[in-house]
Amino acid sequence: MINAHIEMNLNDHMVVIATYILEILKSKQGESVTETLMREFLSKNDSYTPDQFFDSLTLLYSLGFIDMQEYKVVANYV
């Protein structure tokens, strides 16, 4: 859900998680294999789950920030 609940920890919000994903993509010149991206994300942020990662990845895709090319996630802003 995009709207945050009033009692929700904002660090668990998908928009915040999506910014972490974009930061990793930026460090990789804007593209990465999906599995590699997920492993790096989860290793840096051990409080998050794969479900949260994919929910945030879906949000980024639906807003047009990223595209998928075969097995790679490609950022559109780079």
PDB file of N, CA and C in Angstrom:
ATOM      1  N   MET A   1       0.845  -1.167   0.000  1.00  0.00           N
ATOM      2  CA  MET A   1       0.000   0.000   0.000  1.00  0.00           C
ATOM      3  C   MET A   1       0.899   1.241   0.000  1.00  0.00           C
ATOM      4  N   ILE A   2       0.566   2.202  -0.830  1.00  0.00           N
ATOM      5  CA  ILE A   2       1.413   3.386  -0.951  1.00  0.00           C
ATOM      6  C   ILE A   2       1.211   4.347   0.215  1.00  0.00           C
ATOM      7  N   ASN A   3      -0.010   4.485   0.706  1.00  0.00           N
ATOM      8  CA  ASN A   3      -0.251   5.378   1.843  1.00  0.00           C
ATOM      9  C   ASN A   3       0.245   4.725   3.124  1.00  0.00           C
ATOM     10  N   ALA A   4       1.021   5.472   3.891  1.00  0.00           N
ATOM     11  CA  ALA A   4       1.553   4.943   5.149  1.00  0.00           C
ATOM     12  C   ALA A   4       0.507   5.066   6.250  1.00  0.00           C
ATOM     13  N   HIS A   5       0.414   4.016   7.057  1.00  0.00           N
ATOM     14  CA  HIS A   5      -0.465   4.040   8.220  1.00  0.00           C
ATOM     15  C   HIS A   5       0.164   4.946   9.269  1.00  0.00           C
ATOM     16  N   ILE A   6      -0.655   5.588  10.078  1.00  0.00           N
ATOM     17  CA  ILE A   6      -0.164   6.568  11.049  1.00  0.00           C
ATOM     18  C   ILE A   6       0.802   5.946  12.060  1.00  0.00           C
ATOM     19  N   GLU A   7       0.640   4.661  12.379  1.00  0.00           N
ATOM     20  CA  GLU A   7       1.502   4.002  13.357  1.00  0.00           C
ATOM     21  C   GLU A   7       2.611   3.186  12.700  1.00  0.00           C
ATOM     22  N   MET A   8       2.755   3.316  11.409  1.00  0.00           N
ATOM     23  CA  MET A   8       3.734   2.516  10.670  1.00  0.00           C
ATOM     24  C   MET A   8       5.145   3.085  10.824  1.00  0.00           C
ATOM     25  N   ASN A   9       6.106   2.197  10.950  1.00  0.00           N
ATOM     26  CA  ASN A   9       7.512   2.594  10.917  1.00  0.00           C
ATOM     27  C   ASN A   9       7.839   2.947   9.467  1.00  0.00           C
ATOM     28  N   LEU A  10       8.195   4.186   9.203  1.00  0.00           N
ATOM     29  CA  LEU A  10       8.407   4.627   7.822  1.00  0.00           C
ATOM     30  C   LEU A  10       9.577   3.919   7.147  1.00  0.00           C
ATOM     31  N   ASN A  11      10.493   3.357   7.918  1.00  0.00           N
ATOM     32  CA  ASN A  11      11.586   2.591   7.313  1.00  0.00           C
ATOM     33  C   ASN A  11      11.085   1.321   6.639  1.00  0.00           C
ATOM     34  N   ASP A  12       9.894   0.858   7.006  1.00  0.00           N
ATOM     35  CA  ASP A  12       9.308  -0.332   6.395  1.00  0.00           C
ATOM     36  C   ASP A  12       8.402   0.007   5.217  1.00  0.00           C
ATOM     37  N   HIS A  13       8.272   1.272   4.887  1.00  0.00           N
ATOM     38  CA  HIS A  13       7.399   1.686   3.791  1.00  0.00           C
ATOM     39  C   HIS A  13       8.061   1.383   2.452  1.00  0.00           C
ATOM     40  N   MET A  14       7.273   0.938   1.484  1.00  0.00           N
ATOM     41  CA  MET A  14       7.836   0.511   0.201  1.00  0.00           C
ATOM     42  C   MET A  14       8.517   1.638  -0.566  1.00  0.00           C
ATOM     43  N   VAL A  15       8.110   2.864  -0.365  1.00  0.00           N
ATOM     44  CA  VAL A  15       8.765   3.985  -1.052  1.00  0.00           C
ATOM     45  C   VAL A  15      10.183   4.177  -0.511  1.00  0.00           C
ATOM     46  N   VAL A  16      10.358   4.028   0.790  1.00  0.00           N
ATOM     47  CA  VAL A  16      11.690   4.132   1.389  1.00  0.00           C
ATOM     48  C   VAL A  16      12.565   2.979   0.910  1.00  0.00           C
ATOM     49  N   ILE A  17      12.004   1.785   0.882  1.00  0.00           N
ATOM     50  CA  ILE A  17      12.749   0.622   0.406  1.00  0.00           C
ATOM     51  C   ILE A  17      13.128   0.806  -1.059  1.00  0.00           C
ATOM     52  N   ALA A  18      12.232   1.388  -1.840  1.00  0.00           N
ATOM     53  CA  ALA A  18      12.512   1.631  -3.259  1.00  0.00           C
ATOM     54  C   ALA A  18      13.695   2.576  -3.437  1.00  0.00           C
ATOM     55  N   THR A  19      13.841   3.548  -2.546  1.00  0.00           N
ATOM     56  CA  THR A  19      14.995   4.452  -2.661  1.00  0.00           C
ATOM     57  C   THR A  19      16.297   3.715  -2.394  1.00  0.00           C
ATOM     58  N   TYR A  20      16.276   2.741  -1.487  1.00  0.00           N
ATOM     59  CA  TYR A  20      17.475   1.935  -1.251  1.00  0.00           C
ATOM     60  C   TYR A  20      17.829   1.129  -2.502  1.00  0.00           C
ATOM     61  N   ILE A  21      16.813   0.608  -3.178  1.00  0.00           N
ATOM     62  CA  ILE A  21      17.047  -0.147  -4.410  1.00  0.00           C
ATOM     63  C   ILE A  21      17.644   0.761  -5.477  1.00  0.00           C
ATOM     64  N   LEU A  22      17.121   1.966  -5.612  1.00  0.00           N
ATOM     65  CA  LEU A  22      17.658   2.913  -6.597  1.00  0.00           C
ATOM     66  C   LEU A  22      19.099   3.303  -6.276  1.00  0.00           C
ATOM     67  N   GLU A  23      19.434   3.416  -4.992  1.00  0.00           N
ATOM     68  CA  GLU A  23      20.812   3.730  -4.610  1.00  0.00           C
ATOM     69  C   GLU A  23      21.764   2.620  -5.035  1.00  0.00           C
ATOM     70  N   ILE A  24      21.342   1.374  -4.864  1.00  0.00           N
ATOM     71  CA  ILE A  24      22.181   0.252  -5.286  1.00  0.00           C
ATOM     72  C   ILE A  24      22.327   0.251  -6.798  1.00  0.00           C
ATOM     73  N   LEU A  25      21.233   0.487  -7.511  1.00  0.00           N
ATOM     74  CA  LEU A  25      21.304   0.545  -8.972  1.00  0.00           C
ATOM     75  C   LEU A  25      22.224   1.670  -9.437  1.00  0.00           C
ATOM     76  N   LYS A  26      22.186   2.786  -8.760  1.00  0.00           N
ATOM     77  CA  LYS A  26      23.050   3.909  -9.134  1.00  0.00           C
ATOM     78  C   LYS A  26      24.518   3.533  -8.978  1.00  0.00           C
ATOM     79  N   SER A  27      24.839   2.781  -7.933  1.00  0.00           N
ATOM     80  CA  SER A  27      26.227   2.364  -7.725  1.00  0.00           C
ATOM     81  C   SER A  27      26.680   1.335  -8.754  1.00  0.00           C
ATOM     82  N   LYS A  28      25.735   0.706  -9.439  1.00  0.00           N
ATOM     83  CA  LYS A  28      26.045  -0.295 -10.466  1.00  0.00           C
ATOM     84  C   LYS A  28      25.815   0.247 -11.874  1.00  0.00           C
ATOM     85  N   GLN A  29      25.957   1.545 -12.052  1.00  0.00           N
ATOM     86  CA  GLN A  29      25.783   2.215 -13.341  1.00  0.00           C
ATOM     87  C   GLN A  29      24.396   1.990 -13.943  1.00  0.00           C
ATOM     88  N   GLY A  30      23.398   1.809 -13.101  1.00  0.00           N
ATOM     89  CA  GLY A  30      22.018   1.789 -13.554  1.00  0.00           C
ATOM     90  C   GLY A  30      21.446   0.456 -13.964  1.00  0.00           C
ATOM     91  N   GLU A  31      22.203  -0.639 -13.825  1.00  0.00           N
ATOM     92  CA  GLU A  31      21.620  -1.940 -14.162  1.00  0.00           C
ATOM     93  C   GLU A  31      22.252  -3.043 -13.333  1.00  0.00           C
ATOM     94  N   SER A  32      21.450  -4.075 -13.091  1.00  0.00           N
ATOM     95  CA  SER A  32      21.911  -5.212 -12.315  1.00  0.00           C
ATOM     96  C   SER A  32      20.987  -6.396 -12.570  1.00  0.00           C
ATOM     97  N   VAL A  33      21.537  -7.594 -12.465  1.00  0.00           N
ATOM     98  CA  VAL A  33      20.721  -8.804 -12.531  1.00  0.00           C
ATOM     99  C   VAL A  33      19.816  -8.812 -11.299  1.00  0.00           C
ATOM    100  N   THR A  34      18.575  -9.197 -11.474  1.00  0.00           N
ATOM    101  CA  THR A  34      17.580  -9.111 -10.401  1.00  0.00           C
ATOM    102  C   THR A  34      18.026  -9.848  -9.141  1.00  0.00           C
ATOM    103  N   GLU A  35      18.521 -11.064  -9.296  1.00  0.00           N
ATOM    104  CA  GLU A  35      18.924 -11.849  -8.130  1.00  0.00           C
ATOM    105  C   GLU A  35      20.115 -11.209  -7.410  1.00  0.00           C
ATOM    106  N   THR A  36      21.066 -10.706  -8.165  1.00  0.00           N
ATOM    107  CA  THR A  36      22.222 -10.034  -7.567  1.00  0.00           C
ATOM    108  C   THR A  36      21.789  -8.782  -6.822  1.00  0.00           C
ATOM    109  N   LEU A  37      20.879  -8.045  -7.417  1.00  0.00           N
ATOM    110  CA  LEU A  37      20.352  -6.836  -6.783  1.00  0.00           C
ATOM    111  C   LEU A  37      19.649  -7.178  -5.476  1.00  0.00           C
ATOM    112  N   MET A  38      18.842  -8.234  -5.484  1.00  0.00           N
ATOM    113  CA  MET A  38      18.131  -8.631  -4.278  1.00  0.00           C
ATOM    114  C   MET A  38      19.106  -9.088  -3.192  1.00  0.00           C
ATOM    115  N   ARG A  39      20.104  -9.862  -3.562  1.00  0.00           N
ATOM    116  CA  ARG A  39      21.073 -10.334  -2.560  1.00  0.00           C
ATOM    117  C   ARG A  39      21.835  -9.176  -1.928  1.00  0.00           C
ATOM    118  N   GLU A  40      22.254  -8.226  -2.753  1.00  0.00           N
ATOM    119  CA  GLU A  40      22.973  -7.073  -2.213  1.00  0.00           C
ATOM    120  C   GLU A  40      22.063  -6.239  -1.317  1.00  0.00           C
ATOM    121  N   PHE A  41      20.822  -6.042  -1.747  1.00  0.00           N
ATOM    122  CA  PHE A  41      19.865  -5.286  -0.944  1.00  0.00           C
ATOM    123  C   PHE A  41      19.637  -5.957   0.405  1.00  0.00           C
ATOM    124  N   LEU A  42      19.406  -7.267   0.408  1.00  0.00           N
ATOM    125  CA  LEU A  42      19.123  -7.979   1.657  1.00  0.00           C
ATOM    126  C   LEU A  42      20.352  -8.066   2.552  1.00  0.00           C
ATOM    127  N   SER A  43      21.550  -8.109   1.961  1.00  0.00           N
ATOM    128  CA  SER A  43      22.753  -8.159   2.795  1.00  0.00           C
ATOM    129  C   SER A  43      23.023  -6.814   3.472  1.00  0.00           C
ATOM    130  N   LYS A  44      22.667  -5.717   2.802  1.00  0.00           N
ATOM    131  CA  LYS A  44      22.856  -4.391   3.397  1.00  0.00           C
ATOM    132  C   LYS A  44      21.738  -4.039   4.370  1.00  0.00           C
ATOM    133  N   ASN A  45      20.565  -4.606   4.172  1.00  0.00           N
ATOM    134  CA  ASN A  45      19.381  -4.279   4.972  1.00  0.00           C
ATOM    135  C   ASN A  45      18.775  -5.573   5.499  1.00  0.00           C
ATOM    136  N   ASP A  46      19.343  -6.099   6.571  1.00  0.00           N
ATOM    137  CA  ASP A  46      18.906  -7.403   7.057  1.00  0.00           C
ATOM    138  C   ASP A  46      17.545  -7.396   7.750  1.00  0.00           C
ATOM    139  N   SER A  47      16.937  -6.247   7.931  1.00  0.00           N
ATOM    140  CA  SER A  47      15.608  -6.207   8.550  1.00  0.00           C
ATOM    141  C   SER A  47      14.484  -6.322   7.518  1.00  0.00           C
ATOM    142  N   TYR A  48      14.817  -6.354   6.233  1.00  0.00           N
ATOM    143  CA  TYR A  48      13.811  -6.434   5.172  1.00  0.00           C
ATOM    144  C   TYR A  48      13.701  -7.852   4.631  1.00  0.00           C
ATOM    145  N   THR A  49      12.576  -8.123   3.969  1.00  0.00           N
ATOM    146  CA  THR A  49      12.309  -9.450   3.421  1.00  0.00           C
ATOM    147  C   THR A  49      12.310  -9.403   1.893  1.00  0.00           C
ATOM    148  N   PRO A  50      12.440 -10.562   1.245  1.00  0.00           N
ATOM    149  CA  PRO A  50      12.334 -10.587  -0.218  1.00  0.00           C
ATOM    150  C   PRO A  50      10.988 -10.064  -0.719  1.00  0.00           C
ATOM    151  N   ASP A  51       9.914 -10.302   0.033  1.00  0.00           N
ATOM    152  CA  ASP A  51       8.600  -9.779  -0.365  1.00  0.00           C
ATOM    153  C   ASP A  51       8.600  -8.253  -0.416  1.00  0.00           C
ATOM    154  N   GLN A  52       9.205  -7.629   0.573  1.00  0.00           N
ATOM    155  CA  GLN A  52       9.284  -6.167   0.574  1.00  0.00           C
ATOM    156  C   GLN A  52      10.125  -5.673  -0.599  1.00  0.00           C
ATOM    157  N   PHE A  53      11.191  -6.398  -0.913  1.00  0.00           N
ATOM    158  CA  PHE A  53      12.035  -6.037  -2.052  1.00  0.00           C
ATOM    159  C   PHE A  53      11.229  -6.068  -3.343  1.00  0.00           C
ATOM    160  N   PHE A  54      10.507  -7.159  -3.582  1.00  0.00           N
ATOM    161  CA  PHE A  54       9.760  -7.281  -4.833  1.00  0.00           C
ATOM    162  C   PHE A  54       8.556  -6.343  -4.891  1.00  0.00           C
ATOM    163  N   ASP A  55       7.929  -6.062  -3.757  1.00  0.00           N
ATOM    164  CA  ASP A  55       6.851  -5.061  -3.746  1.00  0.00           C
ATOM    165  C   ASP A  55       7.390  -3.692  -4.154  1.00  0.00           C
ATOM    166  N   SER A  56       8.548  -3.338  -3.638  1.00  0.00           N
ATOM    167  CA  SER A  56       9.157  -2.046  -3.977  1.00  0.00           C
ATOM    168  C   SER A  56       9.644  -2.027  -5.418  1.00  0.00           C
ATOM    169  N   LEU A  57      10.150  -3.150  -5.903  1.00  0.00           N
ATOM    170  CA  LEU A  57      10.570  -3.249  -7.299  1.00  0.00           C
ATOM    171  C   LEU A  57       9.366  -3.081  -8.224  1.00  0.00           C
ATOM    172  N   THR A  58       8.232  -3.661  -7.846  1.00  0.00           N
ATOM    173  CA  THR A  58       7.000  -3.506  -8.621  1.00  0.00           C
ATOM    174  C   THR A  58       6.538  -2.054  -8.627  1.00  0.00           C
ATOM    175  N   LEU A  59       6.657  -1.383  -7.492  1.00  0.00           N
ATOM    176  CA  LEU A  59       6.309   0.034  -7.415  1.00  0.00           C
ATOM    177  C   LEU A  59       7.188   0.854  -8.356  1.00  0.00           C
ATOM    178  N   LEU A  60       8.493   0.611  -8.334  1.00  0.00           N
ATOM    179  CA  LEU A  60       9.405   1.347  -9.211  1.00  0.00           C
ATOM    180  C   LEU A  60       9.074   1.108 -10.679  1.00  0.00           C
ATOM    181  N   TYR A  61       8.726  -0.133 -11.012  1.00  0.00           N
ATOM    182  CA  TYR A  61       8.382  -0.458 -12.398  1.00  0.00           C
ATOM    183  C   TYR A  61       7.079   0.230 -12.813  1.00  0.00           C
ATOM    184  N   SER A  62       6.092   0.202 -11.931  1.00  0.00           N
ATOM    185  CA  SER A  62       4.793   0.793 -12.282  1.00  0.00           C
ATOM    186  C   SER A  62       4.869   2.314 -12.401  1.00  0.00           C
ATOM    187  N   LEU A  63       5.806   2.940 -11.709  1.00  0.00           N
ATOM    188  CA  LEU A  63       5.981   4.385 -11.808  1.00  0.00           C
ATOM    189  C   LEU A  63       6.936   4.787 -12.932  1.00  0.00           C
ATOM    190  N   GLY A  64       7.549   3.806 -13.575  1.00  0.00           N
ATOM    191  CA  GLY A  64       8.419   4.090 -14.712  1.00  0.00           C
ATOM    192  C   GLY A  64       9.859   4.411 -14.362  1.00  0.00           C
ATOM    193  N   PHE A  65      10.267   4.151 -13.127  1.00  0.00           N
ATOM    194  CA  PHE A  65      11.646   4.422 -12.735  1.00  0.00           C
ATOM    195  C   PHE A  65      12.614   3.350 -13.227  1.00  0.00           C
ATOM    196  N   ILE A  66      12.110   2.133 -13.417  1.00  0.00           N
ATOM    197  CA  ILE A  66      12.956   1.039 -13.888  1.00  0.00           C
ATOM    198  C   ILE A  66      12.251   0.289 -15.008  1.00  0.00           C
ATOM    199  N   ASP A  67      13.033  -0.453 -15.772  1.00  0.00           N
ATOM    200  CA  ASP A  67      12.526  -1.380 -16.779  1.00  0.00           C
ATOM    201  C   ASP A  67      13.210  -2.716 -16.576  1.00  0.00           C
ATOM    202  N   MET A  68      12.630  -3.743 -17.172  1.00  0.00           N
ATOM    203  CA  MET A  68      13.233  -5.067 -17.130  1.00  0.00           C
ATOM    204  C   MET A  68      13.735  -5.403 -18.524  1.00  0.00           C
ATOM    205  N   GLN A  69      14.974  -5.855 -18.612  1.00  0.00           N
ATOM    206  CA  GLN A  69      15.540  -6.329 -19.866  1.00  0.00           C
ATOM    207  C   GLN A  69      16.111  -7.709 -19.598  1.00  0.00           C
ATOM    208  N   GLU A  70      15.383  -8.726 -20.034  1.00  0.00           N
ATOM    209  CA  GLU A  70      15.688 -10.126 -19.746  1.00  0.00           C
ATOM    210  C   GLU A  70      15.772 -10.318 -18.241  1.00  0.00           C
ATOM    211  N   TYR A  71      16.948 -10.614 -17.701  1.00  0.00           N
ATOM    212  CA  TYR A  71      17.081 -10.843 -16.260  1.00  0.00           C
ATOM    213  C   TYR A  71      17.577  -9.613 -15.517  1.00  0.00           C
ATOM    214  N   LYS A  72      17.734  -8.515 -16.213  1.00  0.00           N
ATOM    215  CA  LYS A  72      18.305  -7.319 -15.600  1.00  0.00           C
ATOM    216  C   LYS A  72      17.244  -6.280 -15.268  1.00  0.00           C
ATOM    217  N   VAL A  73      17.498  -5.584 -14.175  1.00  0.00           N
ATOM    218  CA  VAL A  73      16.721  -4.413 -13.802  1.00  0.00           C
ATOM    219  C   VAL A  73      17.530  -3.213 -14.282  1.00  0.00           C
ATOM    220  N   VAL A  74      16.901  -2.339 -15.062  1.00  0.00           N
ATOM    221  CA  VAL A  74      17.590  -1.184 -15.632  1.00  0.00           C
ATOM    222  C   VAL A  74      16.883   0.087 -15.181  1.00  0.00           C
ATOM    223  N   ALA A  75      17.654   1.000 -14.600  1.00  0.00           N
ATOM    224  CA  ALA A  75      17.093   2.277 -14.157  1.00  0.00           C
ATOM    225  C   ALA A  75      16.950   3.210 -15.346  1.00  0.00           C
ATOM    226  N   ASN A  76      15.836   3.914 -15.425  1.00  0.00           N
ATOM    227  CA  ASN A  76      15.576   4.833 -16.537  1.00  0.00           C
ATOM    228  C   ASN A  76      16.205   6.201 -16.344  1.00  0.00           C
ATOM    229  N   TYR A  77      16.598   6.531 -15.147  1.00  0.00           N
ATOM    230  CA  TYR A  77      17.095   7.877 -14.871  1.00  0.00           C
ATOM    231  C   TYR A  77      18.581   8.037 -15.158  1.00  0.00           C
ATOM    232  N   VAL A  78      19.307   6.957 -15.366  1.00  0.00           N
ATOM    233  CA  VAL A  78      20.768   7.029 -15.565  1.00  0.00           C
ATOM    234  C   VAL A  78      21.079   7.292 -17.011  1.00  0.00           C
TER     235      VAL A  78
END
